Amino acid sequence: MANTKSAAKRARQTERRSLRNRSVLTRIRTLSKRASAAGGKPADITALLSAIDKAAKRGIIHRNAGNRRKARFARARAIKT
């Protein structure tokens, strides 16, 4: 429980941001499953890479984490093909 007005405001802001960030991360997970599927469409792959870049740009995931996710996805695609 917040003791000051500013602490209460920060708690509200954190709650809003957490919900927004959670939805972005869930979308990335969904897109990665869809893109990794047997018949991964090029549109799904593009959407995944774009979502990862946007999340990294906004600070939802760390920049290096975004690069790592993209590299792992590309490596997995190369092995399958």
Protein backbone atom coordinates (compact mmCIF):
# COMPACT_ATOMS: atom_id res chain seq x y z
CA MET A 1 0.00 0.00 0.00
CA ALA A 2 1.37 3.39 -1.00
CA ASN A 3 2.00 5.90 1.75
CA THR A 4 2.18 9.05 -0.38
CA LYS A 5 0.34 10.47 -3.36
CA SER A 6 3.37 10.11 -5.57
CA ALA A 7 3.85 6.48 -4.54
CA ALA A 8 0.18 5.78 -5.31
CA LYS A 9 0.56 7.38 -8.73
CA ARG A 10 3.68 5.33 -9.45
CA ALA A 11 1.80 2.17 -8.48
CA ARG A 12 -1.00 3.05 -10.91
CA GLN A 13 1.49 3.77 -13.71
CA THR A 14 3.34 0.53 -13.05
CA GLU A 15 0.09 -1.43 -13.20
CA ARG A 16 -0.84 0.10 -16.57
CA ARG A 17 2.61 -0.49 -18.02
CA SER A 18 2.71 -4.05 -16.74
CA LEU A 19 -0.54 -4.88 -18.50
CA ARG A 20 0.67 -3.30 -21.74
CA ASN A 21 4.04 -5.05 -21.56
CA ARG A 22 2.43 -8.39 -20.77
CA SER A 23 0.22 -8.15 -23.86
CA VAL A 24 3.24 -7.38 -26.05
CA LEU A 25 5.19 -10.33 -24.66
CA THR A 26 2.21 -12.63 -25.13
CA ARG A 27 1.92 -11.48 -28.74
CA ILE A 28 5.61 -12.20 -29.33
CA ARG A 29 5.22 -15.70 -27.89
CA THR A 30 2.15 -16.36 -30.06
CA LEU A 31 3.88 -15.08 -33.20
CA SER A 32 6.98 -17.15 -32.53
CA LYS A 33 4.89 -20.31 -32.22
CA ARG A 34 3.02 -19.43 -35.40
CA ALA A 35 6.23 -18.63 -37.32
CA SER A 36 7.97 -21.79 -36.05
CA ALA A 37 5.11 -24.02 -37.14
CA ALA A 38 5.70 -26.45 -40.00
CA GLY A 39 4.21 -24.16 -42.64
CA GLY A 40 5.42 -20.84 -41.25
CA LYS A 41 4.25 -18.17 -43.69
CA PRO A 42 6.63 -15.35 -44.62
CA ALA A 43 4.06 -12.88 -43.29
CA ASP A 44 4.19 -14.54 -39.86
CA ILE A 45 7.98 -14.41 -39.82
CA THR A 46 7.98 -10.73 -40.78
CA ALA A 47 5.39 -9.97 -38.09
CA LEU A 48 7.47 -11.77 -35.46
CA LEU A 49 10.69 -9.94 -36.30
CA SER A 50 8.84 -6.62 -36.40
CA ALA A 51 7.19 -7.26 -33.02
CA ILE A 52 10.54 -8.16 -31.45
CA ASP A 53 12.15 -4.99 -32.85
CA LYS A 54 9.30 -2.80 -31.62
CA ALA A 55 9.39 -4.33 -28.15
CA ALA A 56 13.15 -3.76 -27.95
CA LYS A 57 12.79 -0.19 -29.19
CA ARG A 58 10.16 0.58 -26.54
CA GLY A 59 12.18 -1.02 -23.78
CA ILE A 60 9.75 -3.84 -23.12
CA ILE A 61 12.56 -6.29 -23.72
CA HIS A 62 16.25 -5.44 -23.65
CA ARG A 63 17.88 -4.64 -26.99
CA ASN A 64 20.28 -7.57 -26.70
CA ALA A 65 17.43 -9.89 -25.71
CA GLY A 66 15.62 -8.90 -28.90
CA ASN A 67 18.72 -9.59 -30.99
CA ARG A 68 19.19 -12.92 -29.22
CA ARG A 69 15.61 -13.99 -29.89
CA LYS A 70 15.90 -13.10 -33.57
CA ALA A 71 19.22 -14.93 -33.90
CA ARG A 72 17.88 -18.07 -32.24
CA PHE A 73 14.81 -18.00 -34.46
CA ALA A 74 16.96 -17.58 -37.59
CA ARG A 75 19.26 -20.42 -36.51
CA ALA A 76 16.28 -22.72 -35.90
CA ARG A 77 14.86 -21.82 -39.32
CA ALA A 78 18.22 -22.56 -40.98
CA ILE A 79 18.45 -25.99 -39.34
CA LYS A 80 14.90 -26.92 -40.44
CA THR A 81 15.50 -25.94 -44.04
